[in-house]
């Protein structure tokens, strides 16, 4: 379609729409809008947007996020710097000396994972990280769909 035909079509549609009478809003529209607005106000704080949460809840969630991000970046940096399992395990085992049997099992598992990561190299770590990220987003998506179906209103 060329530009001239598009302008003619636009003018024709504009003229035809101007000829139509204005439609009045349904009488119940204002009532339904007000009910929807008040229903949003009655939602629990954790179901609302994060920006509307109480300040204490925002601070706790922000601190949790920063702690998880910091721990993740520290451990990732430690793996790339060649941190061995014994130096890390010595520091942590002093903190958790009461949980020695559990710690020994986790230390063996962590050592095995670290050894596998060192043998596989950086590309394997990127693939594993990307796979974990993909699985995370899939879980969030499936959880959202299930949540929508569970709360679906008639």
N, C-alpha and C. Protein backbone atom coordinates (compact mmCIF):
# COMPACT_ATOMS: atom_id res chain seq x y z
N UNK A 1 0.84 -1.17 0.00
CA UNK A 1 0.00 0.00 0.00
C UNK A 1 0.89 1.24 0.00
N UNK A 2 0.58 2.19 -0.89
CA UNK A 2 1.41 3.38 -0.94
C UNK A 2 0.92 4.42 0.07
N UNK A 3 1.68 5.48 0.20
CA UNK A 3 1.40 6.49 1.22
C UNK A 3 0.09 7.22 0.94
N UNK A 4 -0.22 7.48 -0.30
CA UNK A 4 -1.45 8.19 -0.66
C UNK A 4 -2.68 7.37 -0.26
N UNK A 5 -2.66 6.07 -0.57
CA UNK A 5 -3.79 5.21 -0.20
C UNK A 5 -3.95 5.13 1.31
N UNK A 6 -2.84 5.10 2.05
CA UNK A 6 -2.91 5.03 3.51
C UNK A 6 -3.55 6.29 4.08
N UNK A 7 -3.21 7.45 3.53
CA UNK A 7 -3.80 8.71 4.01
C UNK A 7 -5.29 8.77 3.69
N UNK A 8 -5.68 8.31 2.52
CA UNK A 8 -7.11 8.30 2.17
C UNK A 8 -7.87 7.35 3.09
N UNK A 9 -7.30 6.19 3.34
CA UNK A 9 -7.95 5.24 4.23
C UNK A 9 -8.07 5.81 5.64
N UNK A 10 -7.02 6.47 6.10
CA UNK A 10 -7.06 7.08 7.43
C UNK A 10 -8.14 8.15 7.51
N UNK A 11 -8.27 8.98 6.48
CA UNK A 11 -9.30 10.03 6.48
C UNK A 11 -10.70 9.42 6.42
N UNK A 12 -10.87 8.37 5.64
CA UNK A 12 -12.17 7.70 5.56
C UNK A 12 -12.58 7.12 6.91
N UNK A 13 -11.63 6.42 7.55
CA UNK A 13 -11.93 5.85 8.86
C UNK A 13 -12.24 6.95 9.87
N UNK A 14 -11.50 8.03 9.82
CA UNK A 14 -11.72 9.14 10.75
C UNK A 14 -13.12 9.73 10.57
N UNK A 15 -13.54 9.93 9.30
CA UNK A 15 -14.88 10.48 9.04
C UNK A 15 -15.97 9.54 9.53
N UNK A 16 -15.80 8.25 9.26
CA UNK A 16 -16.82 7.28 9.66
C UNK A 16 -16.93 7.18 11.19
N UNK A 17 -15.80 7.23 11.85
CA UNK A 17 -15.84 7.17 13.31
C UNK A 17 -16.47 8.42 13.92
N UNK A 18 -16.29 9.56 13.29
CA UNK A 18 -16.91 10.81 13.77
C UNK A 18 -18.43 10.77 13.64
N UNK A 19 -18.94 10.01 12.68
CA UNK A 19 -20.39 9.91 12.47
C UNK A 19 -21.07 9.07 13.55
N UNK A 20 -20.31 8.19 14.17
CA UNK A 20 -20.92 7.31 15.18
C UNK A 20 -21.30 8.10 16.42
N UNK A 21 -22.43 7.74 17.06
CA UNK A 21 -22.82 8.44 18.29
C UNK A 21 -21.91 8.01 19.45
N UNK A 22 -21.78 8.90 20.43
CA UNK A 22 -20.98 8.56 21.61
C UNK A 22 -21.75 7.55 22.44
N UNK A 23 -21.05 6.55 22.93
CA UNK A 23 -21.67 5.53 23.75
C UNK A 23 -21.56 5.93 25.23
N UNK A 24 -22.67 5.85 25.95
CA UNK A 24 -22.59 6.18 27.38
C UNK A 24 -21.91 5.03 28.14
N UNK A 25 -21.25 5.37 29.23
CA UNK A 25 -20.61 4.35 30.06
C UNK A 25 -21.69 3.58 30.80
N UNK A 26 -21.47 2.30 31.06
CA UNK A 26 -22.45 1.53 31.82
C UNK A 26 -22.65 2.15 33.21
N UNK A 27 -23.85 2.04 33.73
CA UNK A 27 -24.15 2.65 35.03
C UNK A 27 -23.33 2.01 36.15
N UNK A 28 -22.96 0.75 35.99
CA UNK A 28 -22.24 0.07 37.06
C UNK A 28 -20.73 0.23 36.96
N UNK A 29 -20.24 0.98 35.96
CA UNK A 29 -18.81 1.09 35.75
C UNK A 29 -18.09 1.72 36.95
N UNK A 30 -18.60 2.82 37.44
CA UNK A 30 -17.95 3.51 38.56
C UNK A 30 -17.93 2.60 39.79
N UNK A 31 -19.03 1.92 40.02
CA UNK A 31 -19.10 1.02 41.18
C UNK A 31 -18.08 -0.12 41.06
N UNK A 32 -17.95 -0.70 39.87
CA UNK A 32 -16.99 -1.79 39.67
C UNK A 32 -15.56 -1.30 39.82
N UNK A 33 -15.26 -0.11 39.32
CA UNK A 33 -13.91 0.44 39.43
C UNK A 33 -13.57 0.68 40.90
N UNK A 34 -14.52 1.24 41.65
CA UNK A 34 -14.27 1.50 43.07
C UNK A 34 -14.09 0.19 43.84
N UNK A 35 -14.86 -0.83 43.51
CA UNK A 35 -14.69 -2.13 44.18
C UNK A 35 -13.31 -2.72 43.89
N UNK A 36 -12.87 -2.59 42.66
CA UNK A 36 -11.55 -3.12 42.30
C UNK A 36 -10.44 -2.36 43.02
N UNK A 37 -10.60 -1.04 43.14
CA UNK A 37 -9.58 -0.24 43.82
C UNK A 37 -9.53 -0.60 45.31
N UNK A 38 -10.69 -0.78 45.92
CA UNK A 38 -10.71 -1.13 47.35
C UNK A 38 -10.25 -2.57 47.58
N UNK A 39 -10.46 -3.45 46.62
CA UNK A 39 -9.98 -4.82 46.77
C UNK A 39 -8.46 -4.85 46.80
N UNK A 40 -7.81 -3.99 46.01
CA UNK A 40 -6.35 -3.90 46.03
C UNK A 40 -5.85 -3.44 47.40
N UNK A 41 -6.58 -2.54 48.03
CA UNK A 41 -6.16 -2.03 49.34
C UNK A 41 -6.27 -3.10 50.42
N UNK A 42 -7.18 -4.05 50.25
CA UNK A 42 -7.39 -5.08 51.27
C UNK A 42 -6.45 -6.27 51.13
N UNK A 43 -5.63 -6.30 50.08
CA UNK A 43 -4.69 -7.40 49.91
C UNK A 43 -3.65 -7.37 51.03
N UNK A 44 -3.16 -8.54 51.47
CA UNK A 44 -2.07 -8.56 52.44
C UNK A 44 -0.82 -7.91 51.85
N UNK A 45 0.04 -7.38 52.70
CA UNK A 45 1.19 -6.63 52.21
C UNK A 45 2.12 -7.48 51.37
N UNK A 46 2.23 -8.78 51.65
CA UNK A 46 3.18 -9.61 50.90
C UNK A 46 2.67 -9.96 49.51
N UNK A 47 1.41 -9.70 49.21
CA UNK A 47 0.89 -9.97 47.88
C UNK A 47 0.91 -8.71 47.00
N UNK A 48 1.30 -7.60 47.59
CA UNK A 48 1.38 -6.36 46.83
C UNK A 48 2.77 -6.19 46.24
N UNK A 49 2.95 -5.11 45.51
CA UNK A 49 4.25 -4.77 44.94
C UNK A 49 5.25 -4.56 46.06
N UNK A 50 6.53 -4.88 45.79
CA UNK A 50 7.57 -4.75 46.81
C UNK A 50 7.67 -3.32 47.30
N UNK A 51 7.39 -2.34 46.42
CA UNK A 51 7.51 -0.92 46.79
C UNK A 51 6.48 -0.51 47.82
N UNK A 52 5.39 -1.27 47.96
CA UNK A 52 4.36 -0.91 48.94
C UNK A 52 4.47 -1.70 50.23
N UNK A 53 5.47 -2.57 50.35
CA UNK A 53 5.67 -3.33 51.58
C UNK A 53 6.03 -2.39 52.72
N UNK A 54 5.80 -2.83 53.96
CA UNK A 54 6.27 -2.03 55.10
C UNK A 54 7.79 -1.90 55.04
N UNK A 55 8.30 -0.82 55.62
CA UNK A 55 9.73 -0.54 55.54
C UNK A 55 10.56 -1.66 56.16
N UNK A 56 10.10 -2.23 57.27
CA UNK A 56 10.87 -3.29 57.92
C UNK A 56 10.98 -4.52 57.02
N UNK A 57 9.91 -4.84 56.29
CA UNK A 57 9.93 -6.00 55.40
C UNK A 57 10.84 -5.73 54.20
N UNK A 58 10.83 -4.51 53.71
CA UNK A 58 11.73 -4.16 52.60
C UNK A 58 13.18 -4.27 53.04
N UNK A 59 13.48 -3.80 54.24
CA UNK A 59 14.86 -3.84 54.72
C UNK A 59 15.33 -5.29 54.92
N UNK A 60 14.46 -6.13 55.47
CA UNK A 60 14.83 -7.54 55.68
C UNK A 60 15.05 -8.24 54.34
N UNK A 61 14.15 -8.03 53.39
CA UNK A 61 14.31 -8.69 52.09
C UNK A 61 15.52 -8.16 51.35
N UNK A 62 15.79 -6.86 51.47
CA UNK A 62 16.96 -6.29 50.82
C UNK A 62 18.24 -6.82 51.46
N UNK A 63 18.27 -6.92 52.80
CA UNK A 63 19.45 -7.46 53.48
C UNK A 63 19.67 -8.92 53.09
N UNK A 64 18.60 -9.68 52.99
CA UNK A 64 18.71 -11.09 52.59
C UNK A 64 19.27 -11.19 51.17
N UNK A 65 18.77 -10.37 50.27
CA UNK A 65 19.26 -10.39 48.90
C UNK A 65 20.74 -10.03 48.83
N UNK A 66 21.12 -8.96 49.55
CA UNK A 66 22.52 -8.52 49.52
C UNK A 66 23.42 -9.60 50.11
N UNK A 67 22.98 -10.25 51.20
CA UNK A 67 23.78 -11.31 51.81
C UNK A 67 23.95 -12.49 50.84
N UNK A 68 22.88 -12.89 50.18
CA UNK A 68 22.97 -14.00 49.22
C UNK A 68 23.86 -13.63 48.04
N UNK A 69 23.72 -12.42 47.53
CA UNK A 69 24.56 -11.99 46.41
C UNK A 69 26.02 -11.89 46.83
N UNK A 70 26.28 -11.39 48.03
CA UNK A 70 27.65 -11.30 48.52
C UNK A 70 28.28 -12.66 48.72
N UNK A 71 27.52 -13.58 49.31
CA UNK A 71 28.04 -14.94 49.52
C UNK A 71 28.32 -15.63 48.19
N UNK A 72 27.41 -15.45 47.25
CA UNK A 72 27.60 -16.05 45.93
C UNK A 72 28.84 -15.50 45.24
N UNK A 73 29.00 -14.18 45.28
CA UNK A 73 30.18 -13.60 44.62
C UNK A 73 31.47 -13.98 45.34
N UNK A 74 31.43 -14.07 46.67
CA UNK A 74 32.62 -14.49 47.41
C UNK A 74 33.01 -15.91 47.05
N UNK A 75 32.03 -16.80 47.05
CA UNK A 75 32.34 -18.20 46.74
C UNK A 75 32.78 -18.37 45.29
N UNK A 76 32.18 -17.61 44.38
CA UNK A 76 32.60 -17.69 42.97
C UNK A 76 34.03 -17.18 42.83
N UNK A 77 34.35 -16.09 43.50
CA UNK A 77 35.72 -15.57 43.46
C UNK A 77 36.71 -16.53 44.10
N UNK A 78 36.28 -17.19 45.18
CA UNK A 78 37.15 -18.14 45.85
C UNK A 78 37.44 -19.34 44.96
N UNK A 79 36.44 -19.79 44.22
CA UNK A 79 36.65 -20.91 43.31
C UNK A 79 37.64 -20.53 42.21
N UNK A 80 37.51 -19.34 41.64
CA UNK A 80 38.40 -18.92 40.56
C UNK A 80 39.81 -18.63 41.05
N UNK A 81 39.93 -18.20 42.31
CA UNK A 81 41.26 -17.92 42.85
C UNK A 81 41.97 -19.19 43.30
N UNK A 82 41.32 -20.31 43.22
CA UNK A 82 41.93 -21.57 43.58
C UNK A 82 41.88 -21.84 45.07
N UNK A 83 40.87 -21.33 45.74
CA UNK A 83 40.72 -21.60 47.17
C UNK A 83 40.55 -23.10 47.36
N UNK A 84 41.34 -23.64 48.25
CA UNK A 84 41.21 -25.08 48.46
C UNK A 84 40.18 -25.35 49.54
N UNK A 85 39.71 -26.55 49.58
CA UNK A 85 38.63 -26.93 50.48
C UNK A 85 39.08 -26.88 51.92
N UNK A 86 40.34 -27.19 52.20
CA UNK A 86 40.79 -27.28 53.59
C UNK A 86 40.82 -25.92 54.27
N UNK A 87 41.25 -24.84 53.57
CA UNK A 87 41.29 -23.52 54.22
C UNK A 87 39.89 -23.00 54.49
N UNK A 88 38.98 -23.20 53.55
CA UNK A 88 37.60 -22.78 53.75
C UNK A 88 36.93 -23.65 54.80
N UNK A 89 37.20 -24.94 54.76
CA UNK A 89 36.54 -25.84 55.70
C UNK A 89 37.04 -25.61 57.12
N UNK A 90 38.29 -25.23 57.30
CA UNK A 90 38.82 -24.97 58.64
C UNK A 90 38.10 -23.78 59.27
N UNK A 91 37.90 -22.72 58.51
CA UNK A 91 37.23 -21.54 59.05
C UNK A 91 35.78 -21.83 59.40
N UNK A 92 35.10 -22.51 58.52
CA UNK A 92 33.68 -22.77 58.75
C UNK A 92 33.48 -23.84 59.83
N UNK A 93 34.36 -24.82 59.91
CA UNK A 93 34.19 -25.87 60.91
C UNK A 93 34.37 -25.34 62.32
N UNK A 94 35.13 -24.29 62.49
CA UNK A 94 35.24 -23.67 63.81
C UNK A 94 33.92 -23.03 64.22
N UNK A 95 33.23 -22.45 63.26
CA UNK A 95 31.94 -21.84 63.56
C UNK A 95 30.87 -22.89 63.86
N UNK A 96 30.95 -24.00 63.18
CA UNK A 96 29.90 -25.02 63.28
C UNK A 96 30.41 -26.33 63.90
N UNK A 97 31.19 -26.24 64.95
CA UNK A 97 31.81 -27.43 65.51
C UNK A 97 30.79 -28.43 66.07
N UNK A 98 29.62 -27.97 66.45
CA UNK A 98 28.60 -28.87 66.98
C UNK A 98 27.97 -29.77 65.92
N UNK A 99 28.11 -29.37 64.71
CA UNK A 99 27.49 -30.11 63.61
C UNK A 99 28.55 -30.88 62.83
N UNK A 100 29.50 -31.47 63.51
CA UNK A 100 30.65 -32.12 62.86
C UNK A 100 30.27 -33.21 61.87
N UNK A 101 29.38 -34.15 62.20
CA UNK A 101 29.07 -35.20 61.21
C UNK A 101 28.43 -34.64 59.93
N UNK A 102 27.56 -33.69 60.10
CA UNK A 102 26.92 -33.08 58.91
C UNK A 102 27.97 -32.32 58.12
N UNK A 103 28.85 -31.62 58.84
CA UNK A 103 29.88 -30.84 58.17
C UNK A 103 30.83 -31.72 57.37
N UNK A 104 31.19 -32.87 57.90
CA UNK A 104 32.11 -33.76 57.19
C UNK A 104 31.50 -34.23 55.87
N UNK A 105 30.22 -34.54 55.90
CA UNK A 105 29.55 -34.96 54.66
C UNK A 105 29.50 -33.81 53.65
N UNK A 106 29.18 -32.61 54.14
CA UNK A 106 29.13 -31.46 53.24
C UNK A 106 30.51 -31.10 52.70
N UNK A 107 31.54 -31.26 53.53
CA UNK A 107 32.91 -30.97 53.09
C UNK A 107 33.33 -31.94 51.98
N UNK A 108 32.98 -33.19 52.14
CA UNK A 108 33.31 -34.16 51.10
C UNK A 108 32.57 -33.83 49.80
N UNK A 109 31.30 -33.47 49.94
CA UNK A 109 30.50 -33.12 48.76
C UNK A 109 31.06 -31.85 48.10
N UNK A 110 31.38 -30.84 48.90
CA UNK A 110 31.92 -29.59 48.36
C UNK A 110 33.26 -29.84 47.68
N UNK A 111 34.09 -30.68 48.29
CA UNK A 111 35.38 -31.01 47.68
C UNK A 111 35.22 -31.71 46.35
N UNK A 112 34.25 -32.61 46.27
CA UNK A 112 34.00 -33.31 45.01
C UNK A 112 33.51 -32.34 43.94
N UNK A 113 32.60 -31.45 44.31
CA UNK A 113 32.09 -30.47 43.35
C UNK A 113 33.21 -29.54 42.89
N UNK A 114 34.04 -29.09 43.83
CA UNK A 114 35.15 -28.22 43.48
C UNK A 114 36.15 -28.92 42.55
N UNK A 115 36.42 -30.17 42.82
CA UNK A 115 37.33 -30.93 41.96
C UNK A 115 36.77 -31.10 40.55
N UNK A 116 35.47 -31.39 40.47
CA UNK A 116 34.83 -31.53 39.15
C UNK A 116 34.88 -30.20 38.41
N UNK A 117 34.60 -29.08 39.11
CA UNK A 117 34.64 -27.77 38.46
C UNK A 117 36.04 -27.43 37.97
N UNK A 118 37.06 -27.78 38.76
CA UNK A 118 38.42 -27.50 38.33
C UNK A 118 38.80 -28.32 37.11
N UNK A 119 38.34 -29.54 37.04
CA UNK A 119 38.67 -30.41 35.91
C UNK A 119 37.91 -30.00 34.65
N UNK A 120 36.66 -29.57 34.81
CA UNK A 120 35.85 -29.22 33.64
C UNK A 120 36.22 -27.86 33.08
N UNK A 121 36.56 -26.91 33.92
CA UNK A 121 36.99 -25.60 33.46
C UNK A 121 35.86 -24.60 33.39
N UNK A 122 36.21 -23.42 32.91
CA UNK A 122 35.31 -22.28 32.90
C UNK A 122 34.08 -22.47 32.00
N UNK A 123 34.18 -23.01 30.80
CA UNK A 123 32.97 -23.16 29.97
C UNK A 123 31.90 -24.03 30.64
N UNK A 124 32.33 -25.06 31.34
CA UNK A 124 31.37 -25.93 32.01
C UNK A 124 30.66 -25.17 33.13
N UNK A 125 31.39 -24.28 33.80
CA UNK A 125 30.77 -23.49 34.86
C UNK A 125 29.73 -22.55 34.28
N UNK A 126 30.02 -21.96 33.12
CA UNK A 126 29.04 -21.09 32.48
C UNK A 126 27.80 -21.87 32.06
N UNK A 127 27.98 -23.05 31.52
CA UNK A 127 26.85 -23.89 31.12
C UNK A 127 26.03 -24.29 32.34
N UNK A 128 26.71 -24.66 33.42
CA UNK A 128 25.99 -25.04 34.65
C UNK A 128 25.23 -23.85 35.22
N UNK A 129 25.87 -22.68 35.25
CA UNK A 129 25.19 -21.48 35.76
C UNK A 129 24.00 -21.11 34.90
N UNK A 130 24.18 -21.17 33.58
CA UNK A 130 23.06 -20.87 32.68
C UNK A 130 21.92 -21.87 32.84
N UNK A 131 22.28 -23.14 33.02
CA UNK A 131 21.25 -24.16 33.21
C UNK A 131 20.48 -23.93 34.51
N UNK A 132 21.22 -23.59 35.57
CA UNK A 132 20.55 -23.31 36.84
C UNK A 132 19.63 -22.09 36.72
N UNK A 133 20.08 -21.07 36.01
CA UNK A 133 19.26 -19.89 35.81
C UNK A 133 18.01 -20.23 35.00
N UNK A 134 18.17 -21.04 33.98
CA UNK A 134 17.02 -21.46 33.17
C UNK A 134 16.03 -22.26 34.00
N UNK A 135 16.52 -23.18 34.81
CA UNK A 135 15.64 -23.98 35.66
C UNK A 135 14.93 -23.08 36.68
N UNK A 136 15.64 -22.10 37.21
CA UNK A 136 15.02 -21.16 38.15
C UNK A 136 13.85 -20.44 37.48
N UNK A 137 14.09 -19.88 36.28
CA UNK A 137 13.02 -19.16 35.60
C UNK A 137 11.87 -20.08 35.21
N UNK A 138 12.18 -21.31 34.85
CA UNK A 138 11.11 -22.27 34.56
C UNK A 138 10.27 -22.54 35.80
N UNK A 139 10.92 -22.70 36.94
CA UNK A 139 10.19 -22.93 38.19
C UNK A 139 9.31 -21.73 38.54
N UNK A 140 9.84 -20.54 38.37
CA UNK A 140 9.05 -19.34 38.64
C UNK A 140 7.86 -19.28 37.70
N UNK A 141 8.07 -19.58 36.44
CA UNK A 141 6.98 -19.54 35.47
C UNK A 141 5.91 -20.58 35.76
N UNK A 142 6.32 -21.81 36.04
CA UNK A 142 5.35 -22.87 36.34
C UNK A 142 4.62 -22.55 37.65
N UNK A 143 5.35 -22.03 38.62
CA UNK A 143 4.72 -21.64 39.88
C UNK A 143 3.70 -20.54 39.68
N UNK A 144 4.01 -19.59 38.82
CA UNK A 144 3.07 -18.50 38.54
C UNK A 144 1.82 -19.04 37.86
N UNK A 145 1.99 -19.93 36.90
CA UNK A 145 0.83 -20.51 36.22
C UNK A 145 -0.02 -21.29 37.21
N UNK A 146 0.60 -22.11 38.04
CA UNK A 146 -0.16 -22.88 39.03
C UNK A 146 -0.88 -21.96 40.01
N UNK A 147 -0.21 -20.88 40.43
CA UNK A 147 -0.83 -19.93 41.34
C UNK A 147 -2.03 -19.26 40.69
N UNK A 148 -1.90 -18.89 39.41
CA UNK A 148 -3.02 -18.25 38.70
C UNK A 148 -4.21 -19.21 38.58
N UNK A 149 -3.94 -20.48 38.30
CA UNK A 149 -5.03 -21.43 38.19
C UNK A 149 -5.65 -21.71 39.56
N UNK A 150 -4.86 -21.69 40.61
CA UNK A 150 -5.38 -21.97 41.95
C UNK A 150 -6.27 -20.85 42.44
N UNK A 151 -5.99 -19.63 42.08
CA UNK A 151 -6.78 -18.50 42.57
C UNK A 151 -7.74 -17.97 41.51
N UNK A 152 -7.87 -18.66 40.44
CA UNK A 152 -8.72 -18.19 39.34
C UNK A 152 -10.16 -17.98 39.84
N UNK A 153 -10.66 -16.81 39.56
CA UNK A 153 -12.03 -16.47 39.96
C UNK A 153 -12.97 -16.67 38.79
N UNK A 154 -14.20 -17.04 39.11
CA UNK A 154 -15.18 -17.29 38.05
C UNK A 154 -15.58 -16.01 37.38
